[in-house]
PDB file of N, CA and C in Angstrom:
ATOM      1  N   MET A   1      45.799 120.671 211.894  1.00  0.00           N
ATOM      2  CA  MET A   1      45.901 121.164 210.543  1.00  0.00           C
ATOM      3  C   MET A   1      45.853 120.032 209.512  1.00  0.00           C
ATOM      4  N   ASP A   2      45.866 118.794 210.015  1.00  0.00           N
ATOM      5  CA  ASP A   2      45.758 117.665 209.087  1.00  0.00           C
ATOM      6  C   ASP A   2      44.443 117.703 208.322  1.00  0.00           C
ATOM      7  N   ILE A   3      43.390 118.157 209.001  1.00  0.00           N
ATOM      8  CA  ILE A   3      42.087 118.226 208.337  1.00  0.00           C
ATOM      9  C   ILE A   3      42.139 119.217 207.171  1.00  0.00           C
ATOM     10  N   LEU A   4      42.805 120.338 207.365  1.00  0.00           N
ATOM     11  CA  LEU A   4      42.918 121.341 206.305  1.00  0.00           C
ATOM     12  C   LEU A   4      43.712 120.793 205.122  1.00  0.00           C
ATOM     13  N   ILE A   5      44.761 120.052 205.407  1.00  0.00           N
ATOM     14  CA  ILE A   5      45.581 119.472 204.342  1.00  0.00           C
ATOM     15  C   ILE A   5      44.774 118.464 203.536  1.00  0.00           C
ATOM     16  N   TRP A   6      44.088 117.553 204.237  1.00  0.00           N
ATOM     17  CA  TRP A   6      43.316 116.525 203.534  1.00  0.00           C
ATOM     18  C   TRP A   6      42.117 117.115 202.805  1.00  0.00           C
ATOM     19  N   ALA A   7      41.479 118.114 203.404  1.00  0.00           N
ATOM     20  CA  ALA A   7      40.357 118.774 202.727  1.00  0.00           C
ATOM     21  C   ALA A   7      40.849 119.481 201.463  1.00  0.00           C
ATOM     22  N   GLY A   8      41.996 120.117 201.552  1.00  0.00           N
ATOM     23  CA  GLY A   8      42.574 120.769 200.377  1.00  0.00           C
ATOM     24  C   GLY A   8      42.939 119.777 199.288  1.00  0.00           C
ATOM     25  N   ALA A   9      43.441 118.612 199.700  1.00  0.00           N
ATOM     26  CA  ALA A   9      43.766 117.579 198.714  1.00  0.00           C
ATOM     27  C   ALA A   9      42.506 117.094 198.002  1.00  0.00           C
ATOM     28  N   VAL A  10      41.427 116.942 198.746  1.00  0.00           N
ATOM     29  CA  VAL A  10      40.164 116.501 198.137  1.00  0.00           C
ATOM     30  C   VAL A  10      39.630 117.567 197.185  1.00  0.00           C
ATOM     31  N   VAL A  11      39.686 118.829 197.595  1.00  0.00           N
ATOM     32  CA  VAL A  11      39.211 119.921 196.739  1.00  0.00           C
ATOM     33  C   VAL A  11      40.056 119.993 195.467  1.00  0.00           C
ATOM     34  N   SER A  12      41.362 119.831 195.587  1.00  0.00           N
ATOM     35  CA  SER A  12      42.233 119.838 194.411  1.00  0.00           C
ATOM     36  C   SER A  12      41.923 118.669 193.488  1.00  0.00           C
ATOM     37  N   LEU A  13      41.645 117.523 194.067  1.00  0.00           N
ATOM     38  CA  LEU A  13      41.315 116.350 193.264  1.00  0.00           C
ATOM     39  C   LEU A  13      40.001 116.552 192.507  1.00  0.00           C
ATOM     40  N   ILE A  14      39.025 117.169 193.152  1.00  0.00           N
ATOM     41  CA  ILE A  14      37.758 117.471 192.476  1.00  0.00           C
ATOM     42  C   ILE A  14      38.004 118.431 191.308  1.00  0.00           C
ATOM     43  N   GLY A  15      38.854 119.422 191.518  1.00  0.00           N
ATOM     44  CA  GLY A  15      39.203 120.339 190.432  1.00  0.00           C
ATOM     45  C   GLY A  15      39.912 119.639 189.289  1.00  0.00           C
ATOM     46  N   LEU A  16      40.780 118.691 189.617  1.00  0.00           N
ATOM     47  CA  LEU A  16      41.495 117.940 188.589  1.00  0.00           C
ATOM     48  C   LEU A  16      40.538 117.078 187.773  1.00  0.00           C
ATOM     49  N   VAL A  17      39.575 116.469 188.447  1.00  0.00           N
ATOM     50  CA  VAL A  17      38.552 115.693 187.736  1.00  0.00           C
ATOM     51  C   VAL A  17      37.765 116.614 186.801  1.00  0.00           C
ATOM     52  N   GLY A  18      37.472 117.822 187.254  1.00  0.00           N
ATOM     53  CA  GLY A  18      36.777 118.792 186.410  1.00  0.00           C
ATOM     54  C   GLY A  18      37.580 119.163 185.177  1.00  0.00           C
ATOM     55  N   ILE A  19      38.884 119.278 185.317  1.00  0.00           N
ATOM     56  CA  ILE A  19      39.740 119.599 184.171  1.00  0.00           C
ATOM     57  C   ILE A  19      39.711 118.467 183.147  1.00  0.00           C
ATOM     58  N   PHE A  20      39.795 117.221 183.621  1.00  0.00           N
ATOM     59  CA  PHE A  20      39.724 116.086 182.702  1.00  0.00           C
ATOM     60  C   PHE A  20      38.355 116.004 182.031  1.00  0.00           C
ATOM     61  N   TYR A  21      37.307 116.360 182.764  1.00  0.00           N
ATOM     62  CA  TYR A  21      35.962 116.385 182.186  1.00  0.00           C
ATOM     63  C   TYR A  21      35.879 117.429 181.070  1.00  0.00           C
ATOM     64  N   CYS A  22      36.534 118.554 181.267  1.00  0.00           N
ATOM     65  CA  CYS A  22      36.562 119.591 180.227  1.00  0.00           C
ATOM     66  C   CYS A  22      37.280 119.092 178.976  1.00  0.00           C
ATOM     67  N   ILE A  23      38.341 118.347 179.165  1.00  0.00           N
ATOM     68  CA  ILE A  23      39.060 117.785 178.018  1.00  0.00           C
ATOM     69  C   ILE A  23      38.154 116.847 177.240  1.00  0.00           C
ATOM     70  N   ILE A  24      37.419 116.008 177.958  1.00  0.00           N
ATOM     71  CA  ILE A  24      36.507 115.071 177.299  1.00  0.00           C
ATOM     72  C   ILE A  24      35.411 115.823 176.546  1.00  0.00           C
ATOM     73  N   LEU A  25      34.845 116.858 177.171  1.00  0.00           N
ATOM     74  CA  LEU A  25      33.804 117.648 176.500  1.00  0.00           C
ATOM     75  C   LEU A  25      34.335 118.323 175.237  1.00  0.00           C
ATOM     76  N   ALA A  26      35.543 118.847 175.302  1.00  0.00           N
ATOM     77  CA  ALA A  26      36.122 119.515 174.135  1.00  0.00           C
ATOM     78  C   ALA A  26      36.384 118.516 173.007  1.00  0.00           C
ATOM     79  N   LEU A  27      36.861 117.330 173.353  1.00  0.00           N
ATOM     80  CA  LEU A  27      37.096 116.315 172.324  1.00  0.00           C
ATOM     81  C   LEU A  27      35.790 115.854 171.688  1.00  0.00           C
ATOM     82  N   LYS A  28      34.750 115.702 172.500  1.00  0.00           N
ATOM     83  CA  LYS A  28      33.445 115.316 171.951  1.00  0.00           C
ATOM     84  C   LYS A  28      32.908 116.390 171.013  1.00  0.00           C
ATOM     85  N   ALA A  29      33.082 117.644 171.378  1.00  0.00           N
ATOM     86  CA  ALA A  29      32.619 118.736 170.522  1.00  0.00           C
ATOM     87  C   ALA A  29      33.396 118.767 169.208  1.00  0.00           C
ATOM     88  N   LYS A  30      34.682 118.484 169.279  1.00  0.00           N
ATOM     89  CA  LYS A  30      35.501 118.495 168.070  1.00  0.00           C
ATOM     90  C   LYS A  30      35.102 117.361 167.127  1.00  0.00           C
ATOM     91  N   ARG A  31      34.814 116.202 167.698  1.00  0.00           N
ATOM     92  CA  ARG A  31      34.456 115.042 166.878  1.00  0.00           C
ATOM     93  C   ARG A  31      33.037 115.119 166.322  1.00  0.00           C
ATOM     94  N   ALA A  32      32.211 115.999 166.856  1.00  0.00           N
ATOM     95  CA  ALA A  32      30.809 116.078 166.432  1.00  0.00           C
ATOM     96  C   ALA A  32      30.633 116.806 165.101  1.00  0.00           C
ATOM     97  N   ASN A  33      31.675 117.450 164.608  1.00  0.00           N
ATOM     98  CA  ASN A  33      31.606 118.210 163.346  1.00  0.00           C
ATOM     99  C   ASN A  33      30.408 119.156 163.318  1.00  0.00           C
ATOM    100  N   LEU A  34      30.345 120.004 164.314  1.00  0.00           N
ATOM    101  CA  LEU A  34      29.234 120.943 164.453  1.00  0.00           C
ATOM    102  C   LEU A  34      29.460 122.186 163.599  1.00  0.00           C
ATOM    103  N   PRO A  35      28.387 122.901 163.296  1.00  0.00           N
ATOM    104  CA  PRO A  35      28.556 124.205 162.631  1.00  0.00           C
ATOM    105  C   PRO A  35      29.341 125.168 163.529  1.00  0.00           C
ATOM    106  N   ASP A  36      29.883 126.180 162.915  1.00  0.00           N
ATOM    107  CA  ASP A  36      30.779 127.094 163.626  1.00  0.00           C
ATOM    108  C   ASP A  36      30.121 127.740 164.844  1.00  0.00           C
ATOM    109  N   GLU A  37      28.882 128.181 164.693  1.00  0.00           N
ATOM    110  CA  GLU A  37      28.183 128.856 165.806  1.00  0.00           C
ATOM    111  C   GLU A  37      27.982 127.915 166.990  1.00  0.00           C
ATOM    112  N   GLU A  38      27.541 126.699 166.707  1.00  0.00           N
ATOM    113  CA  GLU A  38      27.276 125.748 167.789  1.00  0.00           C
ATOM    114  C   GLU A  38      28.579 125.297 168.453  1.00  0.00           C
ATOM    115  N   MET A  39      29.626 125.122 167.652  1.00  0.00           N
ATOM    116  CA  MET A  39      30.933 124.753 168.211  1.00  0.00           C
ATOM    117  C   MET A  39      31.434 125.848 169.141  1.00  0.00           C
ATOM    118  N   ARG A  40      31.271 127.090 168.722  1.00  0.00           N
ATOM    119  CA  ARG A  40      31.705 128.220 169.546  1.00  0.00           C
ATOM    120  C   ARG A  40      30.927 128.262 170.863  1.00  0.00           C
ATOM    121  N   ALA A  41      29.624 128.010 170.809  1.00  0.00           N
ATOM    122  CA  ALA A  41      28.796 128.023 172.019  1.00  0.00           C
ATOM    123  C   ALA A  41      29.206 126.912 172.978  1.00  0.00           C
ATOM    124  N   ARG A  42      29.465 125.734 172.437  1.00  0.00           N
ATOM    125  CA  ARG A  42      29.880 124.620 173.306  1.00  0.00           C
ATOM    126  C   ARG A  42      31.241 124.886 173.934  1.00  0.00           C
ATOM    127  N   LEU A  43      32.158 125.389 173.132  1.00  0.00           N
ATOM    128  CA  LEU A  43      33.498 125.627 173.663  1.00  0.00           C
ATOM    129  C   LEU A  43      33.516 126.773 174.670  1.00  0.00           C
ATOM    130  N   GLN A  44      32.635 127.749 174.514  1.00  0.00           N
ATOM    131  CA  GLN A  44      32.548 128.806 175.524  1.00  0.00           C
ATOM    132  C   GLN A  44      32.098 128.234 176.859  1.00  0.00           C
ATOM    133  N   ARG A  45      31.155 127.290 176.825  1.00  0.00           N
ATOM    134  CA  ARG A  45      30.703 126.645 178.053  1.00  0.00           C
ATOM    135  C   ARG A  45      31.825 125.804 178.670  1.00  0.00           C
ATOM    136  N   VAL A  46      32.599 125.125 177.804  1.00  0.00           N
ATOM    137  CA  VAL A  46      33.716 124.314 178.291  1.00  0.00           C
ATOM    138  C   VAL A  46      34.779 125.201 178.927  1.00  0.00           C
ATOM    139  N   VAL A  47      35.045 126.353 178.323  1.00  0.00           N
ATOM    140  CA  VAL A  47      36.048 127.270 178.880  1.00  0.00           C
ATOM    141  C   VAL A  47      35.605 127.773 180.249  1.00  0.00           C
ATOM    142  N   LEU A  48      34.328 128.087 180.389  1.00  0.00           N
ATOM    143  CA  LEU A  48      33.809 128.533 181.682  1.00  0.00           C
ATOM    144  C   LEU A  48      33.966 127.440 182.740  1.00  0.00           C
ATOM    145  N   LEU A  49      33.618 126.226 182.375  1.00  0.00           N
ATOM    146  CA  LEU A  49      33.764 125.099 183.295  1.00  0.00           C
ATOM    147  C   LEU A  49      35.233 124.843 183.621  1.00  0.00           C
ATOM    148  N   ASN A  50      36.095 125.005 182.620  1.00  0.00           N
ATOM    149  CA  ASN A  50      37.525 124.806 182.823  1.00  0.00           C
ATOM    150  C   ASN A  50      38.096 125.833 183.800  1.00  0.00           C
ATOM    151  N   MET A  51      37.678 127.078 183.668  1.00  0.00           N
ATOM    152  CA  MET A  51      38.148 128.118 184.594  1.00  0.00           C
ATOM    153  C   MET A  51      37.688 127.829 186.020  1.00  0.00           C
ATOM    154  N   ALA A  52      36.455 127.360 186.165  1.00  0.00           N
ATOM    155  CA  ALA A  52      35.955 127.013 187.494  1.00  0.00           C
ATOM    156  C   ALA A  52      36.746 125.852 188.082  1.00  0.00           C
ATOM    157  N   ALA A  53      37.078 124.860 187.263  1.00  0.00           N
ATOM    158  CA  ALA A  53      37.854 123.719 187.744  1.00  0.00           C
ATOM    159  C   ALA A  53      39.269 124.147 188.132  1.00  0.00           C
ATOM    160  N   LEU A  54      39.872 125.018 187.345  1.00  0.00           N
ATOM    161  CA  LEU A  54      41.206 125.521 187.687  1.00  0.00           C
ATOM    162  C   LEU A  54      41.179 126.322 188.984  1.00  0.00           C
ATOM    163  N   PHE A  55      40.138 127.128 189.165  1.00  0.00           N
ATOM    164  CA  PHE A  55      39.999 127.897 190.399  1.00  0.00           C
ATOM    165  C   PHE A  55      39.842 126.965 191.593  1.00  0.00           C
ATOM    166  N   LEU A  56      39.054 125.910 191.439  1.00  0.00           N
ATOM    167  CA  LEU A  56      38.857 124.954 192.519  1.00  0.00           C
ATOM    168  C   LEU A  56      40.171 124.256 192.868  1.00  0.00           C
ATOM    169  N   SER A  57      40.939 123.882 191.866  1.00  0.00           N
ATOM    170  CA  SER A  57      42.244 123.269 192.117  1.00  0.00           C
ATOM    171  C   SER A  57      43.178 124.230 192.837  1.00  0.00           C
ATOM    172  N   MET A  58      43.151 125.494 192.428  1.00  0.00           N
ATOM    173  CA  MET A  58      44.006 126.494 193.059  1.00  0.00           C
ATOM    174  C   MET A  58      43.632 126.679 194.529  1.00  0.00           C
ATOM    175  N   VAL A  59      42.336 126.746 194.812  1.00  0.00           N
ATOM    176  CA  VAL A  59      41.888 126.903 196.196  1.00  0.00           C
ATOM    177  C   VAL A  59      42.310 125.693 197.026  1.00  0.00           C
ATOM    178  N   GLY A  60      42.172 124.506 196.459  1.00  0.00           N
ATOM    179  CA  GLY A  60      42.592 123.301 197.169  1.00  0.00           C
ATOM    180  C   GLY A  60      44.082 123.299 197.473  1.00  0.00           C
ATOM    181  N   LEU A  61      44.883 123.704 196.508  1.00  0.00           N
ATOM    182  CA  LEU A  61      46.327 123.763 196.745  1.00  0.00           C
ATOM    183  C   LEU A  61      46.682 124.823 197.779  1.00  0.00           C
ATOM    184  N   MET A  62      45.951 125.939 197.778  1.00  0.00           N
ATOM    185  CA  MET A  62      46.191 126.958 198.804  1.00  0.00           C
ATOM    186  C   MET A  62      45.834 126.416 200.188  1.00  0.00           C
ATOM    187  N   MET A  63      44.780 125.607 200.264  1.00  0.00           N
ATOM    188  CA  MET A  63      44.414 124.999 201.546  1.00  0.00           C
ATOM    189  C   MET A  63      45.511 124.058 202.033  1.00  0.00           C
ATOM    190  N   VAL A  64      46.081 123.282 201.115  1.00  0.00           N
ATOM    191  CA  VAL A  64      47.163 122.367 201.486  1.00  0.00           C
ATOM    192  C   VAL A  64      48.366 123.154 201.992  1.00  0.00           C
ATOM    193  N   VAL A  65      48.754 124.188 201.274  1.00  0.00           N
ATOM    194  CA  VAL A  65      49.908 124.998 201.683  1.00  0.00           C
ATOM    195  C   VAL A  65      49.643 125.673 203.023  1.00  0.00           C
ATOM    196  N   ALA A  66      48.439 126.206 203.208  1.00  0.00           N
ATOM    197  CA  ALA A  66      48.102 126.841 204.485  1.00  0.00           C
ATOM    198  C   ALA A  66      48.142 125.822 205.618  1.00  0.00           C
ATOM    199  N   GLY A  67      47.651 124.623 205.368  1.00  0.00           N
ATOM    200  CA  GLY A  67      47.697 123.582 206.390  1.00  0.00           C
ATOM    201  C   GLY A  67      49.116 123.190 206.755  1.00  0.00           C
ATOM    202  N   ILE A  68      49.992 123.136 205.756  1.00  0.00           N
ATOM    203  CA  ILE A  68      51.395 122.798 206.025  1.00  0.00           C
ATOM    204  C   ILE A  68      52.072 123.917 206.806  1.00  0.00           C
ATOM    205  N   LEU A  69      51.837 125.164 206.390  1.00  0.00           N
ATOM    206  CA  LEU A  69      52.480 126.290 207.071  1.00  0.00           C
ATOM    207  C   LEU A  69      51.970 126.466 208.503  1.00  0.00           C
ATOM    208  N   LEU A  70      50.693 126.220 208.725  1.00  0.00           N
ATOM    209  CA  LEU A  70      50.130 126.386 210.064  1.00  0.00           C
ATOM    210  C   LEU A  70      50.375 125.180 210.961  1.00  0.00           C
ATOM    211  N   GLY A  71      50.700 124.050 210.356  1.00  0.00           N
ATOM    212  CA  GLY A  71      50.892 122.820 211.136  1.00  0.00           C
ATOM    213  C   GLY A  71      52.280 122.739 211.600  1.00  0.00           C
TER     214      GLY A  71
END
């Protein structure tokens, strides 16, 4: 079950990197002083990416917990 734990840790880390990437994208969009429509479009894409990153982190943490419980 060590493989499941380490794989889950890697998946969670990838999700965490995705969350930080979303923060950077949102800050860049805010600093760009875009029109309202374009800002809304960019932030909708960031929110979608953020949800995917959160889901990936959640799956990774579930893998870690499953590995601990089964090990």
